C-alpha atoms as a PDB file:
ATOM      1  CA  MET A   1       0.932 -14.254 -19.879  1.00  0.00           C
ATOM      2  CA  ALA A   2       2.408 -17.628 -19.009  1.00  0.00           C
ATOM      3  CA  SER A   3       5.935 -16.244 -18.848  1.00  0.00           C
ATOM      4  CA  TYR A   4       4.796 -13.395 -16.582  1.00  0.00           C
ATOM      5  CA  ALA A   5       2.935 -15.760 -14.284  1.00  0.00           C
ATOM      6  CA  SER A   6       6.126 -17.806 -14.113  1.00  0.00           C
ATOM      7  CA  GLY A   7       8.086 -14.678 -13.255  1.00  0.00           C
ATOM      8  CA  LEU A   8       5.691 -13.762 -10.454  1.00  0.00           C
ATOM      9  CA  SER A   9       5.887 -17.304  -9.165  1.00  0.00           C
ATOM     10  CA  ALA A  10       9.669 -16.958  -9.137  1.00  0.00           C
ATOM     11  CA  VAL A  11       9.408 -13.755  -7.100  1.00  0.00           C
ATOM     12  CA  HIS A  12       7.169 -15.530  -4.613  1.00  0.00           C
ATOM     13  CA  SER A  13       9.689 -18.368  -4.492  1.00  0.00           C
ATOM     14  CA  LEU A  14      12.425 -15.882  -3.630  1.00  0.00           C
ATOM     15  CA  PHE A  15      10.589 -15.144  -0.407  1.00  0.00           C
ATOM     16  CA  ARG A  16      10.586 -18.883   0.346  1.00  0.00           C
ATOM     17  CA  ILE A  17      14.295 -19.119  -0.431  1.00  0.00           C
ATOM     18  CA  ALA A  18      15.001 -16.200   1.885  1.00  0.00           C
ATOM     19  CA  LEU A  19      12.951 -17.965   4.552  1.00  0.00           C
ATOM     20  CA  VAL A  20      15.106 -21.086   4.410  1.00  0.00           C
ATOM     21  CA  VAL A  21      18.393 -19.160   4.238  1.00  0.00           C
ATOM     22  CA  LEU A  22      17.552 -16.981   7.217  1.00  0.00           C
ATOM     23  CA  ALA A  23      16.213 -19.881   9.247  1.00  0.00           C
ATOM     24  CA  LEU A  24      19.517 -21.688   8.741  1.00  0.00           C
ATOM     25  CA  ALA A  25      21.517 -18.568   9.570  1.00  0.00           C
ATOM     26  CA  LEU A  26      19.807 -17.674  12.833  1.00  0.00           C
ATOM     27  CA  PRO A  27      21.441 -18.951  16.028  1.00  0.00           C
ATOM     28  CA  VAL A  28      19.947 -21.901  17.843  1.00  0.00           C
ATOM     29  CA  GLY A  29      18.956 -21.268  21.473  1.00  0.00           C
ATOM     30  CA  GLY A  30      20.720 -23.057  24.289  1.00  0.00           C
ATOM     31  CA  VAL A  31      24.274 -22.772  22.916  1.00  0.00           C
ATOM     32  CA  ALA A  32      26.605 -20.732  25.107  1.00  0.00           C
ATOM     33  CA  ALA A  33      28.223 -17.824  23.281  1.00  0.00           C
ATOM     34  CA  ASP A  34      32.016 -17.636  23.218  1.00  0.00           C
ATOM     35  CA  PRO A  35      33.626 -14.418  24.585  1.00  0.00           C
ATOM     36  CA  PRO A  36      34.021 -12.675  21.168  1.00  0.00           C
ATOM     37  CA  ALA A  37      30.403 -13.476  20.317  1.00  0.00           C
ATOM     38  CA  ALA A  38      29.246 -12.184  23.699  1.00  0.00           C
ATOM     39  CA  ALA A  39      31.197  -8.947  23.171  1.00  0.00           C
ATOM     40  CA  ALA A  40      29.681  -8.522  19.715  1.00  0.00           C
ATOM     41  CA  ALA A  41      26.191  -9.140  21.127  1.00  0.00           C
ATOM     42  CA  ALA A  42      26.748  -6.450  23.746  1.00  0.00           C
ATOM     43  CA  ALA A  43      27.920  -3.976  21.098  1.00  0.00           C
ATOM     44  CA  ASN A  44      24.793  -4.655  19.045  1.00  0.00           C
ATOM     45  CA  ALA A  45      22.377  -4.453  21.988  1.00  0.00           C
ATOM     46  CA  PRO A  46      19.405  -2.076  21.605  1.00  0.00           C
ATOM     47  CA  GLN A  47      20.194   1.531  22.491  1.00  0.00           C
ATOM     48  CA  GLU A  48      17.534   3.838  23.896  1.00  0.00           C
ATOM     49  CA  ILE A  49      17.372   7.276  22.290  1.00  0.00           C
ATOM     50  CA  LEU A  50      15.269  10.250  23.366  1.00  0.00           C
ATOM     51  CA  LEU A  51      13.605  12.566  20.852  1.00  0.00           C
ATOM     52  CA  GLU A  52      11.085  15.410  20.995  1.00  0.00           C
ATOM     53  CA  THR A  53       8.388  16.369  18.508  1.00  0.00           C
ATOM     54  CA  SER A  54       7.710  19.933  17.396  1.00  0.00           C
ATOM     55  CA  ASP A  55       4.630  19.994  19.643  1.00  0.00           C
ATOM     56  CA  GLY A  56       6.735  19.150  22.671  1.00  0.00           C
ATOM     57  CA  VAL A  57       6.014  15.427  23.081  1.00  0.00           C
ATOM     58  CA  PRO A  58       8.988  13.356  24.359  1.00  0.00           C
ATOM     59  CA  ILE A  59       9.478  10.199  22.290  1.00  0.00           C
ATOM     60  CA  ALA A  60      11.539   7.218  23.412  1.00  0.00           C
ATOM     61  CA  ALA A  61      12.911   4.985  20.659  1.00  0.00           C
ATOM     62  CA  TRP A  62      15.223   1.985  20.472  1.00  0.00           C
ATOM     63  CA  TYR A  63      18.012   1.600  17.960  1.00  0.00           C
ATOM     64  CA  TYR A  64      19.115  -1.904  16.941  1.00  0.00           C
ATOM     65  CA  PRO A  65      22.488  -1.282  15.258  1.00  0.00           C
ATOM     66  CA  LEU A  66      24.442  -3.426  12.857  1.00  0.00           C
ATOM     67  CA  PRO A  67      27.949  -4.627  13.696  1.00  0.00           C
ATOM     68  CA  LYS A  68      30.649  -2.197  12.673  1.00  0.00           C
ATOM     69  CA  ASP A  69      31.522  -2.519   8.956  1.00  0.00           C
ATOM     70  CA  ALA A  70      28.676  -5.027   8.406  1.00  0.00           C
ATOM     71  CA  ALA A  71      26.933  -4.918   5.040  1.00  0.00           C
ATOM     72  CA  SER A  72      23.547  -3.217   5.342  1.00  0.00           C
ATOM     73  CA  ILE A  73      20.399  -4.487   3.650  1.00  0.00           C
ATOM     74  CA  ALA A  74      18.322  -1.488   4.757  1.00  0.00           C
ATOM     75  CA  THR A  75      17.583   0.896   7.585  1.00  0.00           C
ATOM     76  CA  VAL A  76      14.113   0.211   8.975  1.00  0.00           C
ATOM     77  CA  ILE A  77      11.707   2.387  10.952  1.00  0.00           C
ATOM     78  CA  LEU A  78       9.517  -0.148  12.784  1.00  0.00           C
ATOM     79  CA  VAL A  79       6.120   1.130  13.989  1.00  0.00           C
ATOM     80  CA  HIS A  80       4.084  -0.838  16.542  1.00  0.00           C
ATOM     81  CA  ASP A  81       0.302  -1.266  16.730  1.00  0.00           C
ATOM     82  CA  LEU A  82      -2.188   0.506  18.982  1.00  0.00           C
ATOM     83  CA  ASP A  83      -1.646  -0.541  22.631  1.00  0.00           C
ATOM     84  CA  GLY A  84       1.819  -1.865  21.736  1.00  0.00           C
ATOM     85  CA  SER A  85       5.344  -0.535  22.133  1.00  0.00           C
ATOM     86  CA  HIS A  86       8.816  -1.293  20.836  1.00  0.00           C
ATOM     87  CA  ARG A  87       8.709  -4.424  23.015  1.00  0.00           C
ATOM     88  CA  THR A  88       5.742  -5.931  21.165  1.00  0.00           C
ATOM     89  CA  VAL A  89       7.653  -5.719  17.867  1.00  0.00           C
ATOM     90  CA  GLU A  90      11.097  -6.443  19.312  1.00  0.00           C
ATOM     91  CA  PRO A  91      11.155 -10.044  17.990  1.00  0.00           C
ATOM     92  CA  LEU A  92      10.797  -8.618  14.478  1.00  0.00           C
ATOM     93  CA  ALA A  93      13.352  -5.866  15.196  1.00  0.00           C
ATOM     94  CA  LYS A  94      15.937  -8.408  16.328  1.00  0.00           C
ATOM     95  CA  ALA A  95      15.224 -10.759  13.412  1.00  0.00           C
ATOM     96  CA  LEU A  96      15.669  -7.922  10.910  1.00  0.00           C
ATOM     97  CA  GLN A  97      18.829  -6.828  12.712  1.00  0.00           C
ATOM     98  CA  ALA A  98      20.193 -10.391  12.460  1.00  0.00           C
ATOM     99  CA  ALA A  99      19.382 -10.370   8.736  1.00  0.00           C
ATOM    100  CA  GLY A 100      21.371  -7.166   8.112  1.00  0.00           C
ATOM    101  CA  CYS A 101      19.047  -4.243   8.883  1.00  0.00           C
ATOM    102  CA  ALA A 102      19.623  -1.341  11.235  1.00  0.00           C
ATOM    103  CA  VAL A 103      16.286  -0.825  12.985  1.00  0.00           C
ATOM    104  CA  VAL A 104      14.763   2.081  14.922  1.00  0.00           C
ATOM    105  CA  ALA A 105      11.565   1.249  16.836  1.00  0.00           C
ATOM    106  CA  PRO A 106       9.865   4.155  18.633  1.00  0.00           C
ATOM    107  CA  ASP A 107       7.290   4.039  21.390  1.00  0.00           C
ATOM    108  CA  LEU A 108       4.562   6.209  19.868  1.00  0.00           C
ATOM    109  CA  ARG A 109       3.098   8.928  22.070  1.00  0.00           C
ATOM    110  CA  GLY A 110       0.792   7.410  24.667  1.00  0.00           C
ATOM    111  CA  HIS A 111       2.634   4.072  24.513  1.00  0.00           C
ATOM    112  CA  GLY A 112       5.525   2.524  26.415  1.00  0.00           C
ATOM    113  CA  LYS A 113       7.867   5.244  27.679  1.00  0.00           C
ATOM    114  CA  SER A 114       6.397   7.953  25.423  1.00  0.00           C
ATOM    115  CA  VAL A 115       3.676   9.897  27.225  1.00  0.00           C
ATOM    116  CA  LEU A 116       0.974  12.182  25.928  1.00  0.00           C
ATOM    117  CA  LYS A 117       1.604  15.904  26.112  1.00  0.00           C
ATOM    118  CA  SER A 118      -1.223  16.233  28.639  1.00  0.00           C
ATOM    119  CA  ALA A 119       0.151  13.477  30.912  1.00  0.00           C
ATOM    120  CA  PRO A 120       1.205  14.465  34.435  1.00  0.00           C
ATOM    121  CA  ALA A 121       4.897  14.564  35.298  1.00  0.00           C
ATOM    122  CA  GLY A 122       6.349  11.127  35.979  1.00  0.00           C
ATOM    123  CA  ALA A 123       3.572   9.290  34.126  1.00  0.00           C
ATOM    124  CA  ALA A 124       4.275   6.333  31.836  1.00  0.00           C
ATOM    125  CA  GLY A 125       2.750   5.786  28.435  1.00  0.00           C
ATOM    126  CA  GLU A 126       1.208   2.421  29.309  1.00  0.00           C
ATOM    127  CA  GLY A 127      -2.563   2.658  29.461  1.00  0.00           C
ATOM    128  CA  GLN A 128      -2.706   6.095  27.843  1.00  0.00           C
ATOM    129  CA  SER A 129      -3.721   4.804  24.407  1.00  0.00           C
ATOM    130  CA  LYS A 130      -7.408   4.898  25.394  1.00  0.00           C
ATOM    131  CA  ALA A 131      -7.110   8.683  25.613  1.00  0.00           C
ATOM    132  CA  LEU A 132      -5.775   9.009  22.051  1.00  0.00           C
ATOM    133  CA  ARG A 133      -7.920  10.868  19.542  1.00  0.00           C
ATOM    134  CA  LYS A 134      -7.803  11.350  15.778  1.00  0.00           C
ATOM    135  CA  GLY A 135      -5.650  14.463  16.165  1.00  0.00           C
ATOM    136  CA  ASP A 136      -3.038  12.510  18.130  1.00  0.00           C
ATOM    137  CA  PHE A 137      -2.630   9.988  15.307  1.00  0.00           C
ATOM    138  CA  GLU A 138      -2.399  12.785  12.753  1.00  0.00           C
ATOM    139  CA  ALA A 139       0.347  14.357  14.867  1.00  0.00           C
ATOM    140  CA  MET A 140       2.255  11.050  15.024  1.00  0.00           C
ATOM    141  CA  ALA A 141       2.439  10.930  11.212  1.00  0.00           C
ATOM    142  CA  ALA A 142       2.853  14.670  10.592  1.00  0.00           C
ATOM    143  CA  SER A 143       5.593  16.199   8.470  1.00  0.00           C
ATOM    144  CA  VAL A 144       4.113  19.414   7.176  1.00  0.00           C
ATOM    145  CA  GLY A 145       4.206  23.195   7.294  1.00  0.00           C
ATOM    146  CA  GLY A 146       6.220  25.587   5.148  1.00  0.00           C
ATOM    147  CA  ARG A 147       8.436  24.751   2.180  1.00  0.00           C
ATOM    148  CA  VAL A 148      11.617  23.676   3.980  1.00  0.00           C
ATOM    149  CA  ARG A 149      11.363  20.298   5.668  1.00  0.00           C
ATOM    150  CA  ASP A 150      14.023  20.997   8.295  1.00  0.00           C
ATOM    151  CA  GLN A 151      11.957  24.001   9.418  1.00  0.00           C
ATOM    152  CA  ALA A 152       8.526  22.371   9.189  1.00  0.00           C
ATOM    153  CA  ASP A 153       5.832  23.682  11.520  1.00  0.00           C
ATOM    154  CA  MET A 154       4.810  20.159  12.519  1.00  0.00           C
ATOM    155  CA  ARG A 155       7.268  17.298  12.952  1.00  0.00           C
ATOM    156  CA  GLY A 156       5.611  14.314  14.575  1.00  0.00           C
ATOM    157  CA  ASP A 157       6.781  11.054  16.114  1.00  0.00           C
ATOM    158  CA  LEU A 158       7.938   9.346  12.915  1.00  0.00           C
ATOM    159  CA  GLU A 159       9.434  12.500  11.439  1.00  0.00           C
ATOM    160  CA  CYS A 160      11.606  12.834  14.545  1.00  0.00           C
ATOM    161  CA  VAL A 161      12.823   9.276  14.082  1.00  0.00           C
ATOM    162  CA  PHE A 162      13.589  10.005  10.430  1.00  0.00           C
ATOM    163  CA  GLU A 163      15.498  13.154  11.343  1.00  0.00           C
ATOM    164  CA  TRP A 164      17.598  11.203  13.864  1.00  0.00           C
ATOM    165  CA  ILE A 165      18.401   8.607  11.190  1.00  0.00           C
ATOM    166  CA  ARG A 166      19.303  11.349   8.713  1.00  0.00           C
ATOM    167  CA  GLN A 167      21.660  12.944  11.218  1.00  0.00           C
ATOM    168  CA  GLN A 168      23.315   9.620  12.021  1.00  0.00           C
ATOM    169  CA  ALA A 169      23.765   8.894   8.311  1.00  0.00           C
ATOM    170  CA  ALA A 170      25.415  12.300   7.861  1.00  0.00           C
ATOM    171  CA  LYS A 171      27.916  11.265  10.561  1.00  0.00           C
ATOM    172  CA  ASN A 172      28.493   7.908   8.815  1.00  0.00           C
ATOM    173  CA  ASN A 173      27.101   6.073  11.845  1.00  0.00           C
ATOM    174  CA  LEU A 174      24.662   4.173   9.663  1.00  0.00           C
ATOM    175  CA  GLN A 175      23.676   3.788   6.009  1.00  0.00           C
ATOM    176  CA  MET A 176      20.276   5.376   5.484  1.00  0.00           C
ATOM    177  CA  GLU A 177      19.566   4.019   2.009  1.00  0.00           C
ATOM    178  CA  PRO A 178      17.473   2.129   1.354  1.00  0.00           C
ATOM    179  CA  LEU A 179      15.097   3.479   3.993  1.00  0.00           C
ATOM    180  CA  VAL A 180      12.133   1.203   4.662  1.00  0.00           C
ATOM    181  CA  VAL A 181       9.144   1.765   6.950  1.00  0.00           C
ATOM    182  CA  VAL A 182       7.474  -1.278   8.505  1.00  0.00           C
ATOM    183  CA  GLY A 183       4.242  -0.812  10.450  1.00  0.00           C
ATOM    184  CA  SER A 184       1.735  -3.216  11.961  1.00  0.00           C
ATOM    185  CA  GLY A 185      -1.965  -2.654  12.609  1.00  0.00           C
ATOM    186  CA  VAL A 186      -2.557   1.041  13.290  1.00  0.00           C
ATOM    187  CA  GLY A 187       1.227   1.364  13.032  1.00  0.00           C
ATOM    188  CA  GLY A 188       0.831   0.321   9.388  1.00  0.00           C
ATOM    189  CA  THR A 189      -1.728   3.087   8.883  1.00  0.00           C
ATOM    190  CA  LEU A 190       0.689   5.560  10.466  1.00  0.00           C
ATOM    191  CA  ALA A 191       3.585   4.259   8.359  1.00  0.00           C
ATOM    192  CA  ALA A 192       1.578   4.797   5.171  1.00  0.00           C
ATOM    193  CA  ARG A 193       0.441   8.270   6.210  1.00  0.00           C
ATOM    194  CA  TRP A 194       3.988   9.343   7.126  1.00  0.00           C
ATOM    195  CA  ALA A 195       5.364   7.898   3.868  1.00  0.00           C
ATOM    196  CA  ALA A 196       2.724   9.949   2.048  1.00  0.00           C
ATOM    197  CA  ALA A 197       3.759  13.077   3.987  1.00  0.00           C
ATOM    198  CA  ASP A 198       7.371  12.339   3.026  1.00  0.00           C
ATOM    199  CA  ALA A 199       6.390  12.005  -0.636  1.00  0.00           C
ATOM    200  CA  ALA A 200       4.564  15.359  -0.566  1.00  0.00           C
ATOM    201  CA  TRP A 201       7.637  17.498   0.188  1.00  0.00           C
ATOM    202  CA  PRO A 202       8.642  19.485  -2.929  1.00  0.00           C
ATOM    203  CA  PRO A 203      12.279  19.525  -4.072  1.00  0.00           C
ATOM    204  CA  LEU A 204      14.491  22.537  -3.398  1.00  0.00           C
ATOM    205  CA  ALA A 205      17.173  23.989  -5.629  1.00  0.00           C
ATOM    206  CA  SER A 206      19.689  22.183  -3.421  1.00  0.00           C
ATOM    207  CA  GLY A 207      18.047  18.794  -3.987  1.00  0.00           C
ATOM    208  CA  PRO A 208      15.093  16.590  -2.989  1.00  0.00           C
ATOM    209  CA  GLN A 209      13.479  16.852   0.435  1.00  0.00           C
ATOM    210  CA  GLY A 210      10.894  14.121   0.095  1.00  0.00           C
ATOM    211  CA  ARG A 211      10.500  10.643  -1.345  1.00  0.00           C
ATOM    212  CA  GLN A 212      13.123   9.376   1.072  1.00  0.00           C
ATOM    213  CA  VAL A 213      11.155   6.169   1.681  1.00  0.00           C
ATOM    214  CA  ASP A 214      12.466   3.408  -0.587  1.00  0.00           C
ATOM    215  CA  GLY A 215      10.135   0.636   0.568  1.00  0.00           C
ATOM    216  CA  LEU A 216       7.005   0.200   2.647  1.00  0.00           C
ATOM    217  CA  VAL A 217       5.773  -2.883   4.520  1.00  0.00           C
ATOM    218  CA  LEU A 218       2.296  -2.871   6.053  1.00  0.00           C
ATOM    219  CA  VAL A 219       1.487  -5.798   8.354  1.00  0.00           C
ATOM    220  CA  SER A 220      -2.306  -6.134   8.625  1.00  0.00           C
ATOM    221  CA  PRO A 221      -2.796  -2.341   8.500  1.00  0.00           C
ATOM    222  CA  ALA A 222      -6.037  -0.879   9.851  1.00  0.00           C
ATOM    223  CA  PHE A 223      -8.007   0.981   7.196  1.00  0.00           C
ATOM    224  CA  THR A 224      -9.590   3.202   9.867  1.00  0.00           C
ATOM    225  CA  SER A 225      -9.127   3.372  13.631  1.00  0.00           C
ATOM    226  CA  LYS A 226     -10.523   6.030  15.979  1.00  0.00           C
ATOM    227  CA  GLY A 227     -11.389   8.170  12.965  1.00  0.00           C
ATOM    228  CA  PHE A 228      -7.821   8.026  11.612  1.00  0.00           C
ATOM    229  CA  THR A 229      -7.779   6.519   8.128  1.00  0.00           C
ATOM    230  CA  ILE A 230      -5.179   5.372   5.626  1.00  0.00           C
ATOM    231  CA  GLN A 231      -7.249   6.736   2.718  1.00  0.00           C
ATOM    232  CA  PRO A 232      -5.307  10.026   2.143  1.00  0.00           C
ATOM    233  CA  ALA A 233      -2.097   8.049   1.645  1.00  0.00           C
ATOM    234  CA  LEU A 234      -3.532   5.992  -1.218  1.00  0.00           C
ATOM    235  CA  SER A 235      -3.503   8.873  -3.697  1.00  0.00           C
ATOM    236  CA  PRO A 236      -1.580   8.133  -6.918  1.00  0.00           C
ATOM    237  CA  ASP A 237       0.521  11.231  -6.211  1.00  0.00           C
ATOM    238  CA  LEU A 238       1.683   9.823  -2.868  1.00  0.00           C
ATOM    239  CA  ILE A 239       2.142   6.061  -2.302  1.00  0.00           C
ATOM    240  CA  GLY A 240      -0.262   5.003  -5.041  1.00  0.00           C
ATOM    241  CA  ARG A 241       2.562   4.494  -7.555  1.00  0.00           C
ATOM    242  CA  ALA A 242       5.711   4.335  -5.419  1.00  0.00           C
ATOM    243  CA  PRO A 243       7.618   3.025  -3.499  1.00  0.00           C
ATOM    244  CA  PRO A 244       7.638  -0.799  -3.618  1.00  0.00           C
ATOM    245  CA  LEU A 245       4.992  -1.946  -1.143  1.00  0.00           C
ATOM    246  CA  LEU A 246       4.387  -5.255   0.618  1.00  0.00           C
ATOM    247  CA  LEU A 247       1.118  -5.980   2.393  1.00  0.00           C
ATOM    248  CA  LEU A 248       1.307  -8.912   4.798  1.00  0.00           C
ATOM    249  CA  ALA A 249      -1.943 -10.337   6.101  1.00  0.00           C
ATOM    250  CA  GLY A 250      -3.191 -13.155   8.258  1.00  0.00           C
ATOM    251  CA  GLU A 251      -6.187 -15.247   7.338  1.00  0.00           C
ATOM    252  CA  ASP A 252      -9.406 -13.331   6.579  1.00  0.00           C
ATOM    253  CA  ASP A 253      -7.755  -9.885   6.727  1.00  0.00           C
ATOM    254  CA  ARG A 254     -10.193  -7.706   4.830  1.00  0.00           C
ATOM    255  CA  ASP A 255      -8.481  -4.356   5.413  1.00  0.00           C
ATOM    256  CA  SER A 256      -5.236  -5.472   3.763  1.00  0.00           C
ATOM    257  CA  ALA A 257      -7.137  -6.756   0.732  1.00  0.00           C
ATOM    258  CA  LYS A 258      -9.107  -3.507   0.513  1.00  0.00           C
ATOM    259  CA  ILE A 259      -5.938  -1.405   0.666  1.00  0.00           C
ATOM    260  CA  PHE A 260      -4.242  -3.614  -1.938  1.00  0.00           C
ATOM    261  CA  ASP A 261      -7.198  -3.309  -4.312  1.00  0.00           C
ATOM    262  CA  GLN A 262      -7.217   0.492  -4.030  1.00  0.00           C
ATOM    263  CA  ILE A 263      -3.481   0.865  -4.674  1.00  0.00           C
ATOM    264  CA  LYS A 264      -3.681  -1.632  -7.536  1.00  0.00           C
ATOM    265  CA  LYS A 265      -5.876   0.845  -9.409  1.00  0.00           C
ATOM    266  CA  HIS A 266      -2.817   3.077  -9.719  1.00  0.00           C
ATOM    267  CA  ARG A 267      -0.446   0.171 -10.382  1.00  0.00           C
ATOM    268  CA  PRO A 268      -2.527  -1.795 -12.872  1.00  0.00           C
ATOM    269  CA  ARG A 269       0.446  -3.892 -13.931  1.00  0.00           C
ATOM    270  CA  GLY A 270       3.090  -5.510 -11.833  1.00  0.00           C
ATOM    271  CA  ALA A 271       0.988  -6.349  -8.776  1.00  0.00           C
ATOM    272  CA  PHE A 272       1.305  -9.723  -7.065  1.00  0.00           C
ATOM    273  CA  ASP A 273      -1.920 -10.900  -5.458  1.00  0.00           C
ATOM    274  CA  GLY A 274      -1.448 -13.973  -3.298  1.00  0.00           C
ATOM    275  CA  ARG A 275      -5.186 -14.638  -3.473  1.00  0.00           C
ATOM    276  CA  LYS A 276      -4.985 -15.472  -7.179  1.00  0.00           C
ATOM    277  CA  ALA A 277      -2.968 -17.912  -9.263  1.00  0.00           C
ATOM    278  CA  VAL A 278      -2.263 -15.277 -11.944  1.00  0.00           C
ATOM    279  CA  PRO A 279      -2.262 -11.555 -11.095  1.00  0.00           C
ATOM    280  CA  ALA A 280      -4.816  -9.411 -12.890  1.00  0.00           C
ATOM    281  CA  GLY A 281      -3.358  -7.073 -15.500  1.00  0.00           C
ATOM    282  CA  ALA A 282      -0.220  -9.169 -15.811  1.00  0.00           C
ATOM    283  CA  ASP A 283       2.299  -8.181 -18.433  1.00  0.00           C
ATOM    284  CA  GLU A 284       5.472 -10.153 -19.051  1.00  0.00           C
ATOM    285  CA  ASN A 285       7.564  -6.974 -19.266  1.00  0.00           C
ATOM    286  CA  ASP A 286       6.632  -5.788 -15.771  1.00  0.00           C
ATOM    287  CA  SER A 287       8.340  -6.406 -12.458  1.00  0.00           C
ATOM    288  CA  PRO A 288       5.960  -6.297  -9.503  1.00  0.00           C
ATOM    289  CA  THR A 289       6.165  -3.383  -7.067  1.00  0.00           C
ATOM    290  CA  LEU A 290       3.004  -4.180  -5.101  1.00  0.00           C
ATOM    291  CA  PHE A 291       2.508  -7.428  -3.191  1.00  0.00           C
ATOM    292  CA  LEU A 292      -0.250  -8.926  -1.091  1.00  0.00           C
ATOM    293  CA  LEU A 293       0.877 -12.054   0.735  1.00  0.00           C
ATOM    294  CA  GLN A 294      -1.226 -13.987   3.216  1.00  0.00           C
ATOM    295  CA  LEU A 295       0.386 -16.026   5.982  1.00  0.00           C
ATOM    296  CA  PRO A 296      -1.452 -19.166   7.150  1.00  0.00           C
ATOM    297  CA  VAL A 297      -2.193 -17.880  10.672  1.00  0.00           C
ATOM    298  CA  LYS A 298      -5.059 -16.169  12.452  1.00  0.00           C
ATOM    299  CA  ARG A 299      -2.979 -13.230  13.689  1.00  0.00           C
ATOM    300  CA  SER A 300      -2.900  -9.499  13.124  1.00  0.00           C
ATOM    301  CA  GLY A 301      -1.010  -6.408  14.265  1.00  0.00           C
ATOM    302  CA  ASP A 302       2.066  -6.899  16.428  1.00  0.00           C
ATOM    303  CA  ALA A 303       1.264 -10.588  16.928  1.00  0.00           C
ATOM    304  CA  LEU A 304       1.590 -11.100  13.172  1.00  0.00           C
ATOM    305  CA  ALA A 305       4.616  -8.795  12.960  1.00  0.00           C
ATOM    306  CA  SER A 306       6.421 -10.991  15.497  1.00  0.00           C
ATOM    307  CA  TYR A 307       5.224 -14.296  14.044  1.00  0.00           C
ATOM    308  CA  ARG A 308       7.970 -16.839  13.510  1.00  0.00           C
ATOM    309  CA  SER A 309       7.170 -20.247  12.051  1.00  0.00           C
ATOM    310  CA  ALA A 310       8.916 -23.348  13.327  1.00  0.00           C
ATOM    311  CA  ASP A 311       8.439 -24.853   9.870  1.00  0.00           C
ATOM    312  CA  PRO A 312      10.817 -23.288   7.287  1.00  0.00           C
ATOM    313  CA  ARG A 313       8.444 -24.355   4.517  1.00  0.00           C
ATOM    314  CA  GLN A 314       5.840 -21.915   5.814  1.00  0.00           C
ATOM    315  CA  GLY A 315       6.108 -18.181   5.417  1.00  0.00           C
ATOM    316  CA  ASP A 316       6.752 -16.000   8.415  1.00  0.00           C
ATOM    317  CA  THR A 317       6.998 -12.257   8.808  1.00  0.00           C
ATOM    318  CA  ALA A 318      10.698 -11.519   9.271  1.00  0.00           C
ATOM    319  CA  THR A 319      11.911 -13.774   6.476  1.00  0.00           C
ATOM    320  CA  THR A 320       9.212 -12.601   4.080  1.00  0.00           C
ATOM    321  CA  ILE A 321      10.165  -8.978   4.756  1.00  0.00           C
ATOM    322  CA  THR A 322      13.845  -9.838   4.302  1.00  0.00           C
ATOM    323  CA  GLY A 323      13.068 -11.405   0.925  1.00  0.00           C
ATOM    324  CA  PHE A 324      11.140  -8.292  -0.088  1.00  0.00           C
ATOM    325  CA  LEU A 325      14.042  -6.042   0.917  1.00  0.00           C
ATOM    326  CA  THR A 326      16.744  -8.033  -0.834  1.00  0.00           C
ATOM    327  CA  LYS A 327      14.857  -9.056  -3.971  1.00  0.00           C
ATOM    328  CA  VAL A 328      12.542  -6.092  -4.598  1.00  0.00           C
ATOM    329  CA  VAL A 329      13.566  -2.919  -2.736  1.00  0.00           C
ATOM    330  CA  LYS A 330      17.312  -3.170  -3.376  1.00  0.00           C
ATOM    331  CA  ALA A 331      16.628  -4.079  -7.019  1.00  0.00           C
ATOM    332  CA  SER A 332      14.426  -1.041  -7.599  1.00  0.00           C
ATOM    333  CA  PRO A 333      15.902   1.925  -9.508  1.00  0.00           C
END
């Protein structure tokens, strides 16, 4: 037990190490960029892409590419909270990009530049979130219908983003693996539900269709919002046992703790609980695949997703996620 507790402590320390390394690597504001650096920054600027769901909803998304020939840590689908947009999570998108991740951040339907299907021509998504209903959230996370994923009856907001990434990977424009989904607030609920839909696709004779998600990060996810709940995703057949999952919470976040405790039932060993000195069910032969880490701030949703500490000794969101990607997701079989 002692050796396992030491191992879990070492994993937690890896997040702290990643925090310090990334903090030292990030550029300091106020220093003028030289011409080559300015050219590189322009080449890596966010690119707007336009997608369309199977139910005819136009989705705007932003792609934060890596420099050409740069080593990739992961490709990340970044999902904002209710009433947010790609702009409210852009600080996290840019921090992950700087750390070595290609990032795609959509405006979900009814947010930002992505309007609801019922919106009048020329409308913007801002302010439409109040009109969203349970069925709209289910459509955002949908990837279902038939046996062949490419011909699915329902391909929602996140599935369209995934399909764009898959197509770009086929053209060698990016490296899809490992594919990680990061969602905050209701975006975390959507990320979990879409990852569960991905896991549910059966394999074909030509190869696997589902289980494309290699890691999942939920930043203060909402257990239930507007009747849309994370509960169906917590099944042991879906995300209950895989993939590696990091829950990031602010102070007094009860939903994250509740979600962690439910998933832990299916991962009785190898779970790191930041609320306890020694994880329950610890076994020295296990490596953790489920983490609950609490940051010392009273934030949630996109505000927590974009949190950056001025003190490198404190945890913050981008560096904690980077540590999870490099030390857990990439190390997973």
